[in-house]
């Protein structure tokens, strides 16, 4: 409930609504109503990522793995990491907090939003926290366990598209046959509150 309250407060300040009533001024002539996405019981309670959000989750995981590996390569000043280094980076990538991701309703459809995913709407509520970070971490560890550290690092070395292809596409991938699995999302600047 606290993330929703914080989101409401920040959006109220940005939109300029609600502050007038608190400060004693006249209420604004036009009001805006922004509601949080209505989550199904599965989306609220299941420890697993809901099927409808798996493609977005996979894209987020691929983005985070790519970013972590790229940073690690930059720090060591060499083109390729040793096996022990990339294994450590992959573990760290999957064990991160994932708090910057959440669910938002975009054009009537619930979507996972956060770094590396489609840009979020300016005036909407994003539901974060809860089970979302654990779901992403669990999926990430699952991909690393299933595909293997060496195969993931090899795909990273071929480029971001190869890593997304390995993790998210193909006949068993989370984005296989999904309309959300179209072109890879760009590195969109996020409106961080």
N, C-alpha and C. Protein backbone atom coordinates (compact mmCIF):
# COMPACT_ATOMS: atom_id res chain seq x y z
N UNK A 1 0.82 -1.19 0.00
CA UNK A 1 0.00 0.00 0.00
C UNK A 1 0.87 1.26 0.00
N UNK A 2 2.03 1.22 0.68
CA UNK A 2 2.89 2.36 0.75
C UNK A 2 3.39 2.81 -0.63
N UNK A 3 3.80 1.87 -1.54
CA UNK A 3 4.23 2.34 -2.86
C UNK A 3 3.12 3.08 -3.61
N UNK A 4 1.87 2.64 -3.44
CA UNK A 4 0.75 3.30 -4.11
C UNK A 4 0.56 4.69 -3.54
N UNK A 5 0.69 4.84 -2.22
CA UNK A 5 0.54 6.14 -1.58
C UNK A 5 1.64 7.09 -2.04
N UNK A 6 2.87 6.61 -2.10
CA UNK A 6 3.98 7.44 -2.56
C UNK A 6 3.76 7.85 -4.01
N UNK A 7 3.33 6.90 -4.85
CA UNK A 7 3.06 7.20 -6.26
C UNK A 7 1.97 8.27 -6.38
N UNK A 8 0.91 8.17 -5.57
CA UNK A 8 -0.17 9.15 -5.61
C UNK A 8 0.34 10.52 -5.21
N UNK A 9 1.14 10.56 -4.15
CA UNK A 9 1.65 11.84 -3.68
C UNK A 9 2.52 12.50 -4.74
N UNK A 10 3.44 11.74 -5.32
CA UNK A 10 4.33 12.30 -6.34
C UNK A 10 3.54 12.74 -7.56
N UNK A 11 2.61 11.92 -8.01
CA UNK A 11 1.80 12.28 -9.18
C UNK A 11 0.93 13.50 -8.88
N UNK A 12 0.43 13.59 -7.67
CA UNK A 12 -0.37 14.76 -7.30
C UNK A 12 0.47 16.03 -7.37
N UNK A 13 1.69 15.94 -6.88
CA UNK A 13 2.56 17.11 -6.92
C UNK A 13 2.92 17.48 -8.34
N UNK A 14 3.22 16.47 -9.17
CA UNK A 14 3.57 16.73 -10.57
C UNK A 14 2.40 17.32 -11.35
N UNK A 15 1.22 16.80 -11.09
CA UNK A 15 0.04 17.24 -11.82
C UNK A 15 -0.53 18.52 -11.23
N UNK A 16 -0.15 18.83 -10.01
CA UNK A 16 -0.67 20.03 -9.40
C UNK A 16 -2.05 19.86 -8.84
N UNK A 17 -2.54 18.64 -8.74
CA UNK A 17 -3.86 18.41 -8.17
C UNK A 17 -3.71 17.95 -6.75
N UNK A 18 -4.63 18.30 -5.94
CA UNK A 18 -4.63 17.86 -4.55
C UNK A 18 -3.92 18.84 -3.64
N UNK A 19 -2.88 19.50 -4.09
CA UNK A 19 -2.11 20.40 -3.25
C UNK A 19 -2.93 21.64 -2.89
N UNK A 20 -3.80 22.08 -3.79
CA UNK A 20 -4.59 23.28 -3.53
C UNK A 20 -5.49 23.09 -2.33
N UNK A 21 -6.10 21.90 -2.23
CA UNK A 21 -7.01 21.66 -1.13
C UNK A 21 -6.27 21.65 0.19
N UNK A 22 -5.05 21.11 0.20
CA UNK A 22 -4.26 21.05 1.42
C UNK A 22 -3.83 22.44 1.84
N UNK A 23 -3.48 23.28 0.88
CA UNK A 23 -2.96 24.61 1.18
C UNK A 23 -4.07 25.63 1.40
N UNK A 24 -5.31 25.24 1.25
CA UNK A 24 -6.42 26.14 1.49
C UNK A 24 -6.88 26.93 0.29
N UNK A 25 -6.24 26.76 -0.86
CA UNK A 25 -6.67 27.45 -2.07
C UNK A 25 -7.90 26.77 -2.64
N UNK A 26 -8.42 27.37 -3.67
CA UNK A 26 -9.58 26.78 -4.33
C UNK A 26 -9.17 25.52 -5.07
N UNK A 27 -10.01 24.51 -5.07
CA UNK A 27 -9.68 23.30 -5.82
C UNK A 27 -9.56 23.60 -7.31
N UNK A 28 -8.77 22.83 -7.98
CA UNK A 28 -8.58 23.00 -9.43
C UNK A 28 -9.89 22.76 -10.15
N UNK A 29 -10.08 23.46 -11.26
CA UNK A 29 -11.32 23.30 -12.01
C UNK A 29 -11.41 21.96 -12.71
N UNK A 30 -10.26 21.38 -13.08
CA UNK A 30 -10.31 20.06 -13.68
C UNK A 30 -9.56 19.09 -12.77
N UNK A 31 -10.09 17.90 -12.67
CA UNK A 31 -9.42 16.91 -11.83
C UNK A 31 -9.04 15.71 -12.67
N UNK A 32 -8.04 15.02 -12.21
CA UNK A 32 -7.58 13.83 -12.91
C UNK A 32 -7.71 12.66 -11.97
N UNK A 33 -8.10 11.55 -12.54
CA UNK A 33 -8.23 10.34 -11.75
C UNK A 33 -7.31 9.28 -12.35
N UNK A 34 -6.40 8.80 -11.54
CA UNK A 34 -5.47 7.78 -11.98
C UNK A 34 -5.60 6.61 -11.02
N UNK A 35 -5.90 5.46 -11.56
CA UNK A 35 -6.05 4.30 -10.69
C UNK A 35 -4.94 3.30 -10.94
N UNK A 36 -4.65 2.54 -9.92
CA UNK A 36 -3.64 1.48 -10.03
C UNK A 36 -4.21 0.34 -10.87
N UNK A 37 -3.35 -0.43 -11.50
CA UNK A 37 -3.83 -1.58 -12.26
C UNK A 37 -4.56 -2.55 -11.33
N UNK A 38 -5.64 -3.10 -11.82
CA UNK A 38 -6.38 -4.10 -11.05
C UNK A 38 -5.72 -5.46 -11.29
N UNK A 39 -5.07 -5.98 -10.26
CA UNK A 39 -4.33 -7.23 -10.39
C UNK A 39 -5.21 -8.42 -10.09
N UNK A 40 -5.06 -9.47 -10.88
CA UNK A 40 -5.79 -10.71 -10.67
C UNK A 40 -5.22 -11.42 -9.43
N UNK A 41 -5.91 -12.42 -8.90
CA UNK A 41 -5.36 -13.18 -7.78
C UNK A 41 -3.99 -13.79 -8.09
N UNK A 42 -3.78 -14.27 -9.32
CA UNK A 42 -2.48 -14.82 -9.70
C UNK A 42 -1.41 -13.74 -9.64
N UNK A 43 -1.72 -12.56 -10.16
CA UNK A 43 -0.76 -11.47 -10.19
C UNK A 43 -0.44 -10.96 -8.78
N UNK A 44 -1.40 -11.08 -7.87
CA UNK A 44 -1.20 -10.63 -6.50
C UNK A 44 -0.49 -11.65 -5.62
N UNK A 45 -0.78 -12.94 -5.81
CA UNK A 45 -0.40 -13.94 -4.82
C UNK A 45 0.58 -15.01 -5.27
N UNK A 46 0.62 -15.33 -6.55
CA UNK A 46 1.45 -16.43 -7.01
C UNK A 46 2.94 -16.11 -6.85
N UNK A 47 3.74 -17.07 -6.42
CA UNK A 47 5.19 -16.82 -6.34
C UNK A 47 5.86 -16.82 -7.72
N UNK A 48 5.14 -17.23 -8.75
CA UNK A 48 5.67 -17.31 -10.11
C UNK A 48 5.22 -16.11 -10.92
N UNK A 49 6.02 -15.76 -11.91
CA UNK A 49 5.67 -14.66 -12.80
C UNK A 49 4.43 -15.07 -13.61
N UNK A 50 3.38 -14.24 -13.63
CA UNK A 50 2.20 -14.56 -14.44
C UNK A 50 2.58 -14.71 -15.91
N UNK A 51 1.94 -15.64 -16.57
CA UNK A 51 2.23 -15.95 -17.97
C UNK A 51 2.18 -14.70 -18.86
N UNK A 52 1.22 -13.82 -18.61
CA UNK A 52 1.06 -12.63 -19.45
C UNK A 52 2.20 -11.64 -19.32
N UNK A 53 3.01 -11.77 -18.28
CA UNK A 53 4.11 -10.84 -18.05
C UNK A 53 5.49 -11.47 -18.23
N UNK A 54 5.52 -12.76 -18.62
CA UNK A 54 6.80 -13.46 -18.75
C UNK A 54 7.70 -12.89 -19.83
N UNK A 55 7.15 -12.47 -20.93
CA UNK A 55 7.98 -11.91 -22.00
C UNK A 55 8.62 -10.60 -21.52
N UNK A 56 7.84 -9.72 -20.90
CA UNK A 56 8.40 -8.48 -20.36
C UNK A 56 9.48 -8.79 -19.33
N UNK A 57 9.21 -9.77 -18.46
CA UNK A 57 10.18 -10.15 -17.43
C UNK A 57 11.46 -10.66 -18.06
N UNK A 58 11.36 -11.46 -19.08
CA UNK A 58 12.53 -11.99 -19.76
C UNK A 58 13.35 -10.86 -20.38
N UNK A 59 12.67 -9.90 -21.00
CA UNK A 59 13.36 -8.75 -21.60
C UNK A 59 14.09 -7.95 -20.51
N UNK A 60 13.47 -7.79 -19.34
CA UNK A 60 14.10 -7.07 -18.23
C UNK A 60 15.34 -7.82 -17.74
N UNK A 61 15.22 -9.13 -17.63
CA UNK A 61 16.33 -9.96 -17.16
C UNK A 61 17.49 -9.89 -18.16
N UNK A 62 17.20 -10.01 -19.44
CA UNK A 62 18.24 -9.93 -20.47
C UNK A 62 18.93 -8.57 -20.41
N UNK A 63 18.15 -7.51 -20.23
CA UNK A 63 18.72 -6.17 -20.13
C UNK A 63 19.65 -6.06 -18.94
N UNK A 64 19.22 -6.54 -17.77
CA UNK A 64 20.04 -6.42 -16.57
C UNK A 64 21.31 -7.26 -16.67
N UNK A 65 21.20 -8.47 -17.21
CA UNK A 65 22.39 -9.30 -17.39
C UNK A 65 23.37 -8.61 -18.34
N UNK A 66 22.86 -8.09 -19.44
CA UNK A 66 23.70 -7.39 -20.41
C UNK A 66 24.41 -6.20 -19.76
N UNK A 67 23.67 -5.40 -19.00
CA UNK A 67 24.24 -4.23 -18.35
C UNK A 67 25.33 -4.62 -17.34
N UNK A 68 25.06 -5.62 -16.53
CA UNK A 68 26.02 -6.05 -15.51
C UNK A 68 27.29 -6.60 -16.16
N UNK A 69 27.14 -7.41 -17.19
CA UNK A 69 28.32 -7.97 -17.88
C UNK A 69 29.11 -6.87 -18.58
N UNK A 70 28.42 -5.94 -19.20
CA UNK A 70 29.09 -4.83 -19.89
C UNK A 70 29.89 -3.99 -18.89
N UNK A 71 29.29 -3.68 -17.73
CA UNK A 71 30.00 -2.91 -16.71
C UNK A 71 31.22 -3.66 -16.19
N UNK A 72 31.06 -4.95 -15.95
CA UNK A 72 32.19 -5.76 -15.44
C UNK A 72 33.33 -5.79 -16.45
N UNK A 73 33.01 -5.93 -17.73
CA UNK A 73 34.05 -5.91 -18.76
C UNK A 73 34.75 -4.56 -18.80
N UNK A 74 34.00 -3.49 -18.62
CA UNK A 74 34.58 -2.16 -18.61
C UNK A 74 35.51 -1.93 -17.43
N UNK A 75 35.18 -2.51 -16.29
CA UNK A 75 36.00 -2.33 -15.08
C UNK A 75 37.34 -3.04 -15.16
N UNK A 76 37.35 -4.21 -15.77
CA UNK A 76 38.61 -4.97 -15.82
C UNK A 76 39.50 -4.54 -16.98
N UNK A 77 38.98 -3.71 -17.87
CA UNK A 77 39.79 -3.17 -18.94
C UNK A 77 40.19 -4.18 -20.01
N UNK A 78 39.48 -5.28 -20.06
CA UNK A 78 39.79 -6.24 -21.12
C UNK A 78 38.48 -6.63 -21.80
N UNK A 79 38.60 -7.20 -22.95
CA UNK A 79 37.41 -7.49 -23.74
C UNK A 79 36.59 -8.64 -23.18
N UNK A 80 37.22 -9.68 -22.70
CA UNK A 80 36.48 -10.85 -22.22
C UNK A 80 36.77 -11.08 -20.74
N UNK A 81 35.75 -11.51 -20.01
CA UNK A 81 35.90 -11.85 -18.60
C UNK A 81 36.35 -13.30 -18.47
N UNK A 82 37.03 -13.60 -17.37
CA UNK A 82 37.36 -15.00 -17.09
C UNK A 82 36.08 -15.72 -16.67
N UNK A 83 36.10 -17.04 -16.70
CA UNK A 83 34.92 -17.81 -16.32
C UNK A 83 34.48 -17.48 -14.90
N UNK A 84 35.41 -17.41 -13.98
CA UNK A 84 35.02 -17.11 -12.59
C UNK A 84 34.40 -15.72 -12.47
N UNK A 85 34.89 -14.76 -13.26
CA UNK A 85 34.34 -13.40 -13.23
C UNK A 85 32.92 -13.37 -13.78
N UNK A 86 32.69 -13.97 -14.95
CA UNK A 86 31.33 -13.89 -15.49
C UNK A 86 30.34 -14.73 -14.70
N UNK A 87 30.78 -15.81 -14.07
CA UNK A 87 29.88 -16.58 -13.20
C UNK A 87 29.46 -15.71 -12.02
N UNK A 88 30.41 -14.98 -11.45
CA UNK A 88 30.10 -14.08 -10.33
C UNK A 88 29.15 -12.96 -10.75
N UNK A 89 29.38 -12.38 -11.92
CA UNK A 89 28.53 -11.30 -12.42
C UNK A 89 27.12 -11.81 -12.66
N UNK A 90 26.97 -13.00 -13.23
CA UNK A 90 25.64 -13.55 -13.48
C UNK A 90 24.90 -13.81 -12.17
N UNK A 91 25.60 -14.32 -11.17
CA UNK A 91 24.98 -14.54 -9.86
C UNK A 91 24.52 -13.21 -9.27
N UNK A 92 25.38 -12.21 -9.35
CA UNK A 92 25.04 -10.88 -8.82
C UNK A 92 23.86 -10.28 -9.60
N UNK A 93 23.83 -10.49 -10.91
CA UNK A 93 22.74 -9.96 -11.74
C UNK A 93 21.39 -10.51 -11.29
N UNK A 94 21.37 -11.81 -11.02
CA UNK A 94 20.10 -12.44 -10.63
C UNK A 94 19.72 -12.15 -9.19
N UNK A 95 20.70 -11.88 -8.35
CA UNK A 95 20.44 -11.67 -6.92
C UNK A 95 20.19 -10.21 -6.56
N UNK A 96 20.23 -9.32 -7.55
CA UNK A 96 19.99 -7.91 -7.27
C UNK A 96 18.57 -7.70 -6.75
N UNK A 97 18.26 -6.51 -6.32
CA UNK A 97 16.96 -6.22 -5.70
C UNK A 97 15.77 -6.19 -6.64
N UNK A 98 15.90 -5.78 -7.86
CA UNK A 98 14.82 -5.70 -8.85
C UNK A 98 13.70 -4.73 -8.45
N UNK A 99 13.94 -3.84 -7.48
CA UNK A 99 12.89 -2.95 -7.00
C UNK A 99 12.45 -1.90 -8.01
N UNK A 100 13.24 -1.67 -9.04
CA UNK A 100 12.88 -0.64 -10.02
C UNK A 100 11.86 -1.14 -11.04
N UNK A 101 11.41 -2.38 -10.90
CA UNK A 101 10.42 -2.93 -11.82
C UNK A 101 9.07 -3.06 -11.13
N UNK A 102 8.03 -2.90 -11.93
CA UNK A 102 6.68 -3.04 -11.41
C UNK A 102 5.70 -3.21 -12.55
N UNK A 103 4.43 -3.22 -12.20
CA UNK A 103 3.37 -3.41 -13.20
C UNK A 103 2.60 -2.11 -13.36
N UNK A 104 2.28 -1.82 -14.60
CA UNK A 104 1.54 -0.63 -14.95
C UNK A 104 0.54 -1.01 -16.03
N UNK A 105 -0.56 -0.32 -16.07
CA UNK A 105 -1.52 -0.58 -17.13
C UNK A 105 -1.25 0.40 -18.27
N UNK A 106 -0.89 -0.15 -19.43
CA UNK A 106 -0.59 0.65 -20.61
C UNK A 106 -1.58 0.28 -21.71
N UNK A 107 -2.36 1.24 -22.13
CA UNK A 107 -3.35 1.02 -23.18
C UNK A 107 -4.26 -0.17 -22.87
N UNK A 108 -4.71 -0.26 -21.61
CA UNK A 108 -5.64 -1.31 -21.21
C UNK A 108 -5.00 -2.67 -20.98
N UNK A 109 -3.68 -2.76 -21.07
CA UNK A 109 -2.99 -4.04 -20.90
C UNK A 109 -1.95 -3.90 -19.80
N UNK A 110 -1.89 -4.87 -18.89
CA UNK A 110 -0.88 -4.83 -17.84
C UNK A 110 0.46 -5.22 -18.41
N UNK A 111 1.47 -4.40 -18.09
CA UNK A 111 2.82 -4.63 -18.59
C UNK A 111 3.81 -4.42 -17.46
N UNK A 112 4.88 -5.17 -17.50
CA UNK A 112 5.99 -4.96 -16.59
C UNK A 112 6.76 -3.76 -17.13
N UNK A 113 7.12 -2.84 -16.27
CA UNK A 113 7.88 -1.66 -16.69
C UNK A 113 9.09 -1.48 -15.79
N UNK A 114 10.10 -0.85 -16.33
CA UNK A 114 11.33 -0.59 -15.61
C UNK A 114 12.46 -0.44 -16.60
N UNK A 115 13.69 -0.35 -16.11
CA UNK A 115 14.84 -0.15 -16.99
C UNK A 115 14.96 -1.21 -18.08
N UNK A 116 15.15 -0.73 -19.32
CA UNK A 116 15.30 -1.64 -20.45
C UNK A 116 14.01 -2.07 -21.09
N UNK A 117 12.88 -1.67 -20.52
CA UNK A 117 11.57 -2.03 -21.08
C UNK A 117 10.93 -0.79 -21.68
N UNK A 118 9.78 -0.97 -22.29
CA UNK A 118 9.07 0.13 -22.92
C UNK A 118 8.88 1.26 -21.92
N UNK A 119 8.91 2.48 -22.42
CA UNK A 119 8.74 3.64 -21.57
C UNK A 119 7.38 3.63 -20.91
N UNK A 120 7.37 3.98 -19.66
CA UNK A 120 6.11 4.02 -18.91
C UNK A 120 5.34 5.29 -19.23
N UNK A 121 4.04 5.25 -19.01
CA UNK A 121 3.22 6.44 -19.17
C UNK A 121 3.56 7.42 -18.07
N UNK A 122 3.52 8.69 -18.40
CA UNK A 122 3.80 9.71 -17.40
C UNK A 122 2.75 9.72 -16.29
N UNK A 123 1.50 9.69 -16.67
CA UNK A 123 0.43 9.82 -15.69
C UNK A 123 -0.26 8.49 -15.46
N UNK A 124 0.41 7.58 -14.79
CA UNK A 124 -0.21 6.32 -14.41
C UNK A 124 0.49 5.81 -13.17
N UNK A 125 -0.14 4.85 -12.53
CA UNK A 125 0.39 4.29 -11.30
C UNK A 125 1.10 2.99 -11.61
N UNK A 126 2.28 2.83 -11.05
CA UNK A 126 3.04 1.60 -11.21
C UNK A 126 3.04 0.89 -9.85
N UNK A 127 2.67 -0.38 -9.86
CA UNK A 127 2.68 -1.19 -8.65
C UNK A 127 4.03 -1.89 -8.56
N UNK A 128 4.79 -1.57 -7.51
CA UNK A 128 6.12 -2.16 -7.33
C UNK A 128 6.17 -2.91 -6.02
N UNK A 129 7.31 -3.52 -5.76
CA UNK A 129 7.49 -4.23 -4.50
C UNK A 129 6.72 -5.53 -4.49
N UNK A 130 6.34 -5.98 -3.33
CA UNK A 130 5.59 -7.22 -3.20
C UNK A 130 6.37 -8.40 -3.76
N UNK A 131 5.73 -9.17 -4.60
CA UNK A 131 6.33 -10.38 -5.16
C UNK A 131 7.14 -10.14 -6.44
N UNK A 132 7.03 -8.96 -7.03
CA UNK A 132 7.69 -8.71 -8.33
C UNK A 132 9.20 -8.92 -8.26
N UNK A 133 9.93 -8.35 -7.29
CA UNK A 133 11.39 -8.58 -7.25
C UNK A 133 11.75 -10.05 -7.11
N UNK A 134 11.05 -10.79 -6.26
CA UNK A 134 11.35 -12.21 -6.08
C UNK A 134 11.06 -13.01 -7.35
N UNK A 135 9.99 -12.66 -8.03
CA UNK A 135 9.65 -13.36 -9.27
C UNK A 135 10.74 -13.16 -10.32
N UNK A 136 11.21 -11.92 -10.46
CA UNK A 136 12.26 -11.64 -11.44
C UNK A 136 13.56 -12.36 -11.08
N UNK A 137 13.92 -12.34 -9.81
CA UNK A 137 15.14 -13.03 -9.37
C UNK A 137 15.04 -14.53 -9.63
N UNK A 138 13.90 -15.10 -9.32
CA UNK A 138 13.68 -16.54 -9.52
C UNK A 138 13.78 -16.90 -11.01
N UNK A 139 13.15 -16.09 -11.86
CA UNK A 139 13.23 -16.34 -13.31
C UNK A 139 14.66 -16.22 -13.80
N UNK A 140 15.38 -15.21 -13.33
CA UNK A 140 16.76 -15.00 -13.75
C UNK A 140 17.62 -16.21 -13.38
N UNK A 141 17.51 -16.66 -12.13
CA UNK A 141 18.27 -17.84 -11.71
C UNK A 141 17.88 -19.07 -12.54
N UNK A 142 16.60 -19.17 -12.89
CA UNK A 142 16.14 -20.28 -13.72
C UNK A 142 16.80 -20.27 -15.09
N UNK A 143 16.88 -19.08 -15.71
CA UNK A 143 17.53 -18.96 -17.01
C UNK A 143 19.00 -19.34 -16.94
N UNK A 144 19.69 -18.85 -15.91
CA UNK A 144 21.11 -19.15 -15.77
C UNK A 144 21.31 -20.64 -15.55
N UNK A 145 20.46 -21.25 -14.72
CA UNK A 145 20.57 -22.68 -14.48
C UNK A 145 20.26 -23.51 -15.71
N UNK A 146 19.25 -23.09 -16.46
CA UNK A 146 18.83 -23.83 -17.66
C UNK A 146 19.81 -23.67 -18.81
N UNK A 147 20.22 -22.44 -19.09
CA UNK A 147 21.08 -22.17 -20.25
C UNK A 147 22.56 -22.35 -19.93
N UNK A 148 22.94 -22.08 -18.70
CA UNK A 148 24.33 -22.20 -18.30
C UNK A 148 25.08 -20.89 -18.44
N UNK A 149 26.03 -20.70 -17.54
CA UNK A 149 26.81 -19.47 -17.51
C UNK A 149 27.56 -19.24 -18.82
N UNK A 150 28.23 -20.27 -19.33
CA UNK A 150 29.05 -20.12 -20.53
C UNK A 150 28.21 -19.76 -21.75
N UNK A 151 27.04 -20.38 -21.90
CA UNK A 151 26.19 -20.09 -23.05
C UNK A 151 25.64 -18.66 -22.97
N UNK A 152 25.26 -18.23 -21.77
CA UNK A 152 24.75 -16.86 -21.60
C UNK A 152 25.86 -15.85 -21.88
N UNK A 153 27.05 -16.10 -21.36
CA UNK A 153 28.15 -15.16 -21.60
C UNK A 153 28.52 -15.14 -23.09
N UNK A 154 28.50 -16.29 -23.73
CA UNK A 154 28.78 -16.33 -25.16
C UNK A 154 27.77 -15.52 -25.95
N UNK A 155 26.50 -15.61 -25.59
CA UNK A 155 25.47 -14.82 -26.27
C UNK A 155 25.70 -13.33 -26.01
N UNK A 156 26.05 -12.98 -24.79
CA UNK A 156 26.36 -11.58 -24.48
C UNK A 156 27.49 -11.06 -25.37
N UNK A 157 28.50 -11.87 -25.57
CA UNK A 157 29.65 -11.46 -26.38
C UNK A 157 29.25 -11.22 -27.84
N UNK A 158 28.17 -11.89 -28.30
CA UNK A 158 27.69 -11.68 -29.67
C UNK A 158 26.79 -10.45 -29.77
N UNK A 159 26.32 -9.93 -28.63
CA UNK A 159 25.51 -8.70 -28.63
C UNK A 159 24.19 -8.87 -27.92
N UNK A 160 23.56 -7.73 -27.55
CA UNK A 160 22.30 -7.77 -26.81
C UNK A 160 21.19 -8.56 -27.51
N UNK A 161 21.12 -8.46 -28.84
CA UNK A 161 20.07 -9.20 -29.56
C UNK A 161 20.27 -10.70 -29.41
N UNK A 162 21.51 -11.16 -29.42
CA UNK A 162 21.78 -12.60 -29.27
C UNK A 162 21.40 -13.08 -27.87
N UNK A 163 21.65 -12.25 -26.86
CA UNK A 163 21.27 -12.63 -25.50
C UNK A 163 19.76 -12.70 -25.35
N UNK A 164 19.05 -11.71 -25.89
CA UNK A 164 17.56 -11.74 -25.84
C UNK A 164 17.03 -12.94 -26.61
N UNK A 165 17.65 -13.23 -27.74
CA UNK A 165 17.22 -14.38 -28.54
C UNK A 165 17.39 -15.67 -27.74
N UNK A 166 18.53 -15.84 -27.10
CA UNK A 166 18.81 -17.04 -26.31
C UNK A 166 17.81 -17.18 -25.16
N UNK A 167 17.59 -16.11 -24.42
CA UNK A 167 16.76 -16.20 -23.22
C UNK A 167 15.26 -16.14 -23.51
N UNK A 168 14.85 -15.28 -24.43
CA UNK A 168 13.43 -14.95 -24.54
C UNK A 168 12.71 -15.51 -25.76
N UNK A 169 13.42 -15.83 -26.80
CA UNK A 169 12.75 -16.25 -28.04
C UNK A 169 13.00 -17.72 -28.29
N UNK A 170 12.79 -18.16 -29.50
CA UNK A 170 12.89 -19.58 -29.78
C UNK A 170 11.55 -20.24 -29.47
N UNK A 171 11.44 -21.51 -29.76
CA UNK A 171 10.13 -22.15 -29.62
C UNK A 171 9.66 -22.28 -28.17
N UNK A 172 10.56 -22.33 -27.20
CA UNK A 172 10.15 -22.43 -25.80
C UNK A 172 10.36 -21.14 -25.03
N UNK A 173 10.78 -20.08 -25.70
CA UNK A 173 11.06 -18.82 -25.03
C UNK A 173 9.81 -18.12 -24.53
N UNK A 174 9.97 -17.28 -23.53
CA UNK A 174 8.84 -16.55 -22.94
C UNK A 174 8.17 -15.63 -23.94
N UNK A 175 8.89 -15.21 -24.98
CA UNK A 175 8.32 -14.30 -25.97
C UNK A 175 7.94 -15.00 -27.27
N UNK A 176 8.07 -16.31 -27.33
CA UNK A 176 7.72 -17.05 -28.54
C UNK A 176 6.23 -16.89 -28.83
N UNK A 177 5.92 -16.36 -29.99
CA UNK A 177 4.53 -16.19 -30.40
C UNK A 177 3.80 -15.09 -29.66
N UNK A 178 4.50 -14.29 -28.90
CA UNK A 178 3.87 -13.22 -28.13
C UNK A 178 3.94 -11.93 -28.90
N UNK A 179 2.85 -11.16 -28.85
CA UNK A 179 2.89 -9.86 -29.51
C UNK A 179 3.83 -8.93 -28.77
N UNK A 180 4.06 -9.19 -27.48
CA UNK A 180 5.01 -8.38 -26.71
C UNK A 180 6.44 -8.74 -27.08
N UNK A 181 6.63 -9.84 -27.76
CA UNK A 181 7.98 -10.28 -28.10
C UNK A 181 8.46 -9.77 -29.44
N UNK A 182 7.86 -8.71 -29.94
CA UNK A 182 8.26 -8.13 -31.21
C UNK A 182 9.65 -7.55 -31.14
N UNK A 183 9.85 -6.42 -31.73
CA UNK A 183 11.18 -5.83 -31.72
C UNK A 183 11.65 -5.59 -30.29
N UNK A 184 12.92 -5.70 -30.10
CA UNK A 184 13.47 -5.51 -28.76
C UNK A 184 13.21 -4.09 -28.29
N UNK A 185 12.84 -3.96 -27.02
CA UNK A 185 12.61 -2.61 -26.52
C UNK A 185 13.91 -1.82 -26.51
N UNK A 186 13.78 -0.54 -26.75
CA UNK A 186 14.98 0.29 -26.76
C UNK A 186 15.38 0.62 -25.33
N UNK A 187 16.55 1.14 -25.20
CA UNK A 187 17.02 1.59 -23.90
C UNK A 187 16.31 2.91 -23.61
N UNK A 188 15.11 2.82 -23.11
CA UNK A 188 14.30 4.01 -22.89
C UNK A 188 14.69 4.69 -21.59
N UNK A 189 14.72 6.00 -21.64
CA UNK A 189 14.96 6.74 -20.41
C UNK A 189 13.69 6.61 -19.57
N UNK A 190 13.85 6.30 -18.32
CA UNK A 190 12.71 6.13 -17.43
C UNK A 190 12.47 7.43 -16.68
N UNK A 191 11.24 7.71 -16.41
CA UNK A 191 10.89 8.86 -15.57
C UNK A 191 10.97 8.39 -14.14
N UNK A 192 12.08 8.61 -13.50
CA UNK A 192 12.29 8.12 -12.15
C UNK A 192 11.73 9.14 -11.18
N UNK A 193 10.97 8.65 -10.26
CA UNK A 193 10.36 9.55 -9.26
C UNK A 193 11.13 9.49 -7.99
